[in-house]
N, C-alpha and C. Protein backbone atom coordinates (compact mmCIF):
# COMPACT_ATOMS: atom_id res chain seq x y z
N LYS A 1 1.81 -29.90 66.71
CA LYS A 1 2.30 -29.70 65.36
C LYS A 1 3.83 -29.69 65.34
N ARG A 2 4.42 -29.02 66.30
CA ARG A 2 5.89 -28.94 66.38
C ARG A 2 6.49 -30.33 66.58
N ALA A 3 5.86 -31.16 67.38
CA ALA A 3 6.35 -32.53 67.61
C ALA A 3 6.32 -33.34 66.32
N LYS A 4 5.28 -33.16 65.52
CA LYS A 4 5.16 -33.87 64.25
C LYS A 4 6.23 -33.37 63.26
N GLU A 5 6.51 -32.08 63.31
CA GLU A 5 7.56 -31.53 62.45
C GLU A 5 8.91 -32.15 62.83
N GLN A 6 9.19 -32.24 64.12
CA GLN A 6 10.44 -32.84 64.58
C GLN A 6 10.51 -34.32 64.20
N GLU A 7 9.38 -35.01 64.30
CA GLU A 7 9.33 -36.42 63.91
C GLU A 7 9.68 -36.55 62.43
N PHE A 8 9.16 -35.65 61.60
CA PHE A 8 9.48 -35.66 60.18
C PHE A 8 10.97 -35.43 59.96
N LEU A 9 11.53 -34.45 60.65
CA LEU A 9 12.94 -34.12 60.47
C LEU A 9 13.86 -35.27 60.86
N ARG A 10 13.43 -36.11 61.80
CA ARG A 10 14.22 -37.25 62.26
C ARG A 10 13.88 -38.55 61.52
N LEU A 11 12.88 -38.52 60.67
CA LEU A 11 12.38 -39.73 60.02
C LEU A 11 13.45 -40.42 59.17
N LYS A 12 13.62 -41.72 59.41
CA LYS A 12 14.51 -42.58 58.64
C LYS A 12 13.73 -43.84 58.29
N GLN A 13 14.14 -44.49 57.22
CA GLN A 13 13.45 -45.70 56.78
C GLN A 13 13.56 -46.81 57.82
N GLY A 14 14.74 -47.00 58.36
CA GLY A 14 14.93 -48.05 59.36
C GLY A 14 14.47 -49.40 58.82
N GLN A 15 13.60 -50.06 59.57
CA GLN A 15 13.11 -51.39 59.18
C GLN A 15 11.85 -51.34 58.32
N MET A 16 11.37 -50.13 58.02
CA MET A 16 10.17 -50.00 57.19
C MET A 16 10.48 -50.37 55.74
N SER A 17 9.47 -50.84 55.03
CA SER A 17 9.61 -51.02 53.59
C SER A 17 9.63 -49.63 52.97
N VAL A 18 10.03 -49.55 51.71
CA VAL A 18 10.03 -48.26 51.02
C VAL A 18 8.61 -47.70 50.99
N MET A 19 7.63 -48.58 50.77
CA MET A 19 6.24 -48.14 50.72
C MET A 19 5.79 -47.57 52.07
N GLU A 20 6.15 -48.24 53.15
CA GLU A 20 5.79 -47.75 54.49
C GLU A 20 6.50 -46.43 54.80
N TYR A 21 7.78 -46.37 54.44
CA TYR A 21 8.54 -45.14 54.67
C TYR A 21 7.94 -43.97 53.89
N ALA A 22 7.58 -44.21 52.62
CA ALA A 22 6.99 -43.16 51.79
C ALA A 22 5.66 -42.69 52.36
N ALA A 23 4.86 -43.62 52.87
CA ALA A 23 3.56 -43.25 53.46
C ALA A 23 3.77 -42.37 54.68
N LYS A 24 4.71 -42.76 55.55
CA LYS A 24 5.00 -41.99 56.76
C LYS A 24 5.60 -40.63 56.37
N PHE A 25 6.48 -40.64 55.39
CA PHE A 25 7.09 -39.41 54.90
C PHE A 25 6.02 -38.43 54.42
N ASN A 26 5.10 -38.92 53.60
CA ASN A 26 4.03 -38.06 53.09
C ASN A 26 3.10 -37.57 54.19
N GLU A 27 2.81 -38.44 55.13
CA GLU A 27 1.93 -38.08 56.26
C GLU A 27 2.55 -36.96 57.09
N LEU A 28 3.84 -37.09 57.40
CA LEU A 28 4.49 -36.12 58.27
C LEU A 28 4.98 -34.87 57.54
N SER A 29 5.20 -34.96 56.23
CA SER A 29 5.76 -33.82 55.49
C SER A 29 4.85 -32.60 55.55
N ARG A 30 3.56 -32.81 55.72
CA ARG A 30 2.65 -31.65 55.78
C ARG A 30 2.88 -30.79 57.03
N PHE A 31 3.58 -31.35 58.02
CA PHE A 31 3.89 -30.59 59.23
C PHE A 31 5.20 -29.81 59.09
N ALA A 32 5.91 -30.03 57.98
CA ALA A 32 7.18 -29.34 57.74
C ALA A 32 7.23 -28.81 56.32
N PRO A 33 6.29 -27.94 55.96
CA PRO A 33 6.21 -27.48 54.56
C PRO A 33 7.48 -26.78 54.07
N ASN A 34 8.22 -26.15 54.95
CA ASN A 34 9.45 -25.47 54.53
C ASN A 34 10.54 -26.45 54.13
N GLN A 35 10.45 -27.68 54.63
CA GLN A 35 11.45 -28.69 54.31
C GLN A 35 11.18 -29.37 52.97
N VAL A 36 9.97 -29.24 52.47
CA VAL A 36 9.57 -29.88 51.21
C VAL A 36 8.92 -28.87 50.27
N ALA A 37 9.43 -27.65 50.30
CA ALA A 37 8.83 -26.56 49.54
C ALA A 37 8.95 -26.77 48.03
N THR A 38 9.96 -27.51 47.59
CA THR A 38 10.13 -27.79 46.17
C THR A 38 10.26 -29.30 45.99
N GLU A 39 10.06 -29.76 44.77
CA GLU A 39 10.23 -31.20 44.47
C GLU A 39 11.65 -31.64 44.80
N GLU A 40 12.63 -30.80 44.47
CA GLU A 40 14.03 -31.13 44.73
C GLU A 40 14.28 -31.31 46.23
N MET A 41 13.74 -30.41 47.04
CA MET A 41 13.91 -30.51 48.49
C MET A 41 13.23 -31.77 49.02
N LYS A 42 12.05 -32.06 48.50
CA LYS A 42 11.31 -33.24 48.93
C LYS A 42 12.08 -34.52 48.59
N MET A 43 12.59 -34.59 47.37
CA MET A 43 13.35 -35.77 46.95
C MET A 43 14.62 -35.92 47.77
N ASP A 44 15.30 -34.82 48.03
CA ASP A 44 16.54 -34.86 48.80
C ASP A 44 16.27 -35.37 50.22
N HIS A 45 15.24 -34.85 50.84
CA HIS A 45 14.92 -35.27 52.21
C HIS A 45 14.52 -36.74 52.24
N PHE A 46 13.74 -37.18 51.27
CA PHE A 46 13.34 -38.58 51.18
C PHE A 46 14.56 -39.47 51.01
N GLU A 47 15.44 -39.09 50.10
CA GLU A 47 16.64 -39.89 49.85
C GLU A 47 17.52 -39.99 51.09
N GLN A 48 17.65 -38.89 51.83
CA GLN A 48 18.49 -38.90 53.03
C GLN A 48 18.00 -39.89 54.08
N GLY A 49 16.70 -40.16 54.08
CA GLY A 49 16.15 -41.07 55.07
C GLY A 49 16.18 -42.53 54.68
N LEU A 50 16.55 -42.81 53.43
CA LEU A 50 16.58 -44.20 52.97
C LEU A 50 17.76 -44.96 53.58
N ARG A 51 17.60 -46.27 53.69
CA ARG A 51 18.70 -47.12 54.15
C ARG A 51 19.85 -47.04 53.15
N GLY A 52 21.07 -47.24 53.62
CA GLY A 52 22.28 -47.13 52.82
C GLY A 52 22.24 -47.85 51.48
N PRO A 53 21.92 -49.16 51.46
CA PRO A 53 21.94 -49.88 50.17
C PRO A 53 20.95 -49.31 49.16
N ILE A 54 19.80 -48.88 49.63
CA ILE A 54 18.80 -48.31 48.73
C ILE A 54 19.25 -46.94 48.25
N LYS A 55 19.82 -46.18 49.16
CA LYS A 55 20.32 -44.84 48.82
C LYS A 55 21.41 -44.96 47.75
N ARG A 56 22.32 -45.92 47.92
CA ARG A 56 23.39 -46.11 46.94
C ARG A 56 22.84 -46.55 45.59
N MET A 57 21.76 -47.33 45.61
CA MET A 57 21.16 -47.83 44.38
C MET A 57 20.63 -46.68 43.50
N ILE A 58 20.14 -45.63 44.12
CA ILE A 58 19.57 -44.53 43.34
C ILE A 58 20.56 -43.40 43.11
N ALA A 59 21.73 -43.49 43.73
CA ALA A 59 22.74 -42.45 43.56
C ALA A 59 23.09 -42.33 42.08
N GLY A 60 23.17 -41.13 41.59
CA GLY A 60 23.52 -40.90 40.20
C GLY A 60 22.33 -40.85 39.25
N HIS A 61 21.18 -41.31 39.72
CA HIS A 61 19.97 -41.23 38.89
C HIS A 61 19.42 -39.80 38.94
N VAL A 62 18.86 -39.38 37.86
CA VAL A 62 18.22 -38.07 37.81
C VAL A 62 16.72 -38.31 37.68
N PHE A 63 15.98 -37.81 38.64
CA PHE A 63 14.53 -37.98 38.65
C PHE A 63 13.86 -36.64 38.40
N THR A 64 12.73 -36.68 37.72
CA THR A 64 12.02 -35.44 37.43
C THR A 64 11.10 -35.02 38.57
N GLY A 65 10.81 -35.94 39.49
CA GLY A 65 9.94 -35.61 40.60
C GLY A 65 9.92 -36.70 41.66
N PHE A 66 9.31 -36.39 42.77
CA PHE A 66 9.25 -37.31 43.89
C PHE A 66 8.55 -38.61 43.51
N GLN A 67 7.45 -38.52 42.79
CA GLN A 67 6.69 -39.71 42.42
C GLN A 67 7.54 -40.67 41.59
N GLU A 68 8.29 -40.14 40.65
CA GLU A 68 9.17 -40.98 39.83
C GLU A 68 10.24 -41.64 40.69
N MET A 69 10.80 -40.88 41.61
CA MET A 69 11.83 -41.41 42.51
C MET A 69 11.27 -42.55 43.36
N TYR A 70 10.08 -42.32 43.89
CA TYR A 70 9.43 -43.33 44.73
C TYR A 70 9.12 -44.58 43.91
N GLN A 71 8.59 -44.42 42.72
CA GLN A 71 8.24 -45.56 41.86
C GLN A 71 9.48 -46.40 41.55
N GLU A 72 10.63 -45.75 41.37
CA GLU A 72 11.87 -46.47 41.09
C GLU A 72 12.24 -47.40 42.25
N GLN A 73 11.91 -46.99 43.46
CA GLN A 73 12.24 -47.81 44.64
C GLN A 73 11.39 -49.07 44.71
N LEU A 74 10.25 -49.05 44.07
CA LEU A 74 9.33 -50.20 44.14
C LEU A 74 9.66 -51.27 43.10
N LYS A 75 10.56 -50.97 42.18
CA LYS A 75 10.91 -51.93 41.13
C LYS A 75 11.79 -53.05 41.68
């Protein structure tokens, strides 16, 4: 369990698509509940792992929740 938590903490999008990254993020986030205790924390952690160009694209946007943020990446 600790190894999965560490994997989550180090998770970055890298060469994954946004959809693949989100799936891995959701899979591993259950091993680090303190890191995603609120929607804001979850969105922040997800955004930090995104590649630079994608991260810049969503900068300044205000999202009401993780699902909305994720859906915006698929457009």
